[in-house]
C-alpha atoms as a PDB file:
ATOM      1  CA  UNK A   1      23.059   9.803  48.877  1.00  0.00           C
ATOM      2  CA  UNK A   2      23.957  13.615  48.870  1.00  0.00           C
ATOM      3  CA  UNK A   3      22.580  17.482  47.456  1.00  0.00           C
ATOM      4  CA  UNK A   4      24.043  19.135  45.261  1.00  0.00           C
ATOM      5  CA  UNK A   5      21.543  21.873  46.225  1.00  0.00           C
ATOM      6  CA  UNK A   6      22.159  23.243  48.827  1.00  0.00           C
ATOM      7  CA  UNK A   7      20.653  26.011  51.174  1.00  0.00           C
ATOM      8  CA  UNK A   8      21.985  29.207  50.023  1.00  0.00           C
ATOM      9  CA  UNK A   9      23.177  29.110  46.484  1.00  0.00           C
ATOM     10  CA  UNK A  10      22.314  31.541  43.848  1.00  0.00           C
ATOM     11  CA  UNK A  11      20.971  30.329  40.408  1.00  0.00           C
ATOM     12  CA  UNK A  12      18.591  31.783  37.954  1.00  0.00           C
ATOM     13  CA  UNK A  13      15.449  30.414  37.653  1.00  0.00           C
ATOM     14  CA  UNK A  14      13.502  29.893  33.764  1.00  0.00           C
ATOM     15  CA  UNK A  15      13.309  33.451  33.320  1.00  0.00           C
ATOM     16  CA  UNK A  16      16.963  34.536  34.193  1.00  0.00           C
ATOM     17  CA  UNK A  17      15.951  35.770  37.110  1.00  0.00           C
ATOM     18  CA  UNK A  18      18.246  35.730  39.805  1.00  0.00           C
ATOM     19  CA  UNK A  19      17.254  33.354  43.074  1.00  0.00           C
ATOM     20  CA  UNK A  20      19.090  32.434  46.361  1.00  0.00           C
ATOM     21  CA  UNK A  21      17.371  27.973  47.500  1.00  0.00           C
ATOM     22  CA  UNK A  22      15.893  28.624  51.274  1.00  0.00           C
ATOM     23  CA  UNK A  23      15.421  24.959  51.404  1.00  0.00           C
ATOM     24  CA  UNK A  24      15.837  21.881  49.955  1.00  0.00           C
ATOM     25  CA  UNK A  25      13.457  18.137  51.102  1.00  0.00           C
ATOM     26  CA  UNK A  26      13.663  15.684  49.245  1.00  0.00           C
ATOM     27  CA  UNK A  27      10.778  16.484  46.916  1.00  0.00           C
ATOM     28  CA  UNK A  28      10.491  20.142  47.099  1.00  0.00           C
ATOM     29  CA  UNK A  29      13.427  23.277  46.692  1.00  0.00           C
ATOM     30  CA  UNK A  30      11.811  26.708  48.384  1.00  0.00           C
ATOM     31  CA  UNK A  31      13.207  29.564  46.224  1.00  0.00           C
ATOM     32  CA  UNK A  32      13.562  32.988  46.891  1.00  0.00           C
ATOM     33  CA  UNK A  33      13.530  35.889  43.751  1.00  0.00           C
ATOM     34  CA  UNK A  34      15.836  38.563  45.100  1.00  0.00           C
ATOM     35  CA  UNK A  35      13.115  40.647  44.745  1.00  0.00           C
ATOM     36  CA  UNK A  36      11.214  38.731  47.791  1.00  0.00           C
ATOM     37  CA  UNK A  37       8.654  36.033  46.325  1.00  0.00           C
ATOM     38  CA  UNK A  38       8.943  32.531  47.947  1.00  0.00           C
ATOM     39  CA  UNK A  39       8.277  30.272  44.948  1.00  0.00           C
ATOM     40  CA  UNK A  40       8.675  25.869  45.509  1.00  0.00           C
ATOM     41  CA  UNK A  41       9.239  23.697  42.906  1.00  0.00           C
ATOM     42  CA  UNK A  42       8.493  19.406  42.654  1.00  0.00           C
ATOM     43  CA  UNK A  43      11.862  17.226  42.601  1.00  0.00           C
ATOM     44  CA  UNK A  44      12.190  13.745  42.406  1.00  0.00           C
ATOM     45  CA  UNK A  45      10.843  10.976  39.799  1.00  0.00           C
END
């Protein structure tokens, strides 16, 4: 298995706000918005 999302990558969230990936686990992605807020979202089945 391989990871498509990697730490340090930049994306936009559902509100088109720029975010940077902080950590990726098997079940969640933790990301930081550029305003300093850290959030997490679940991934998987």
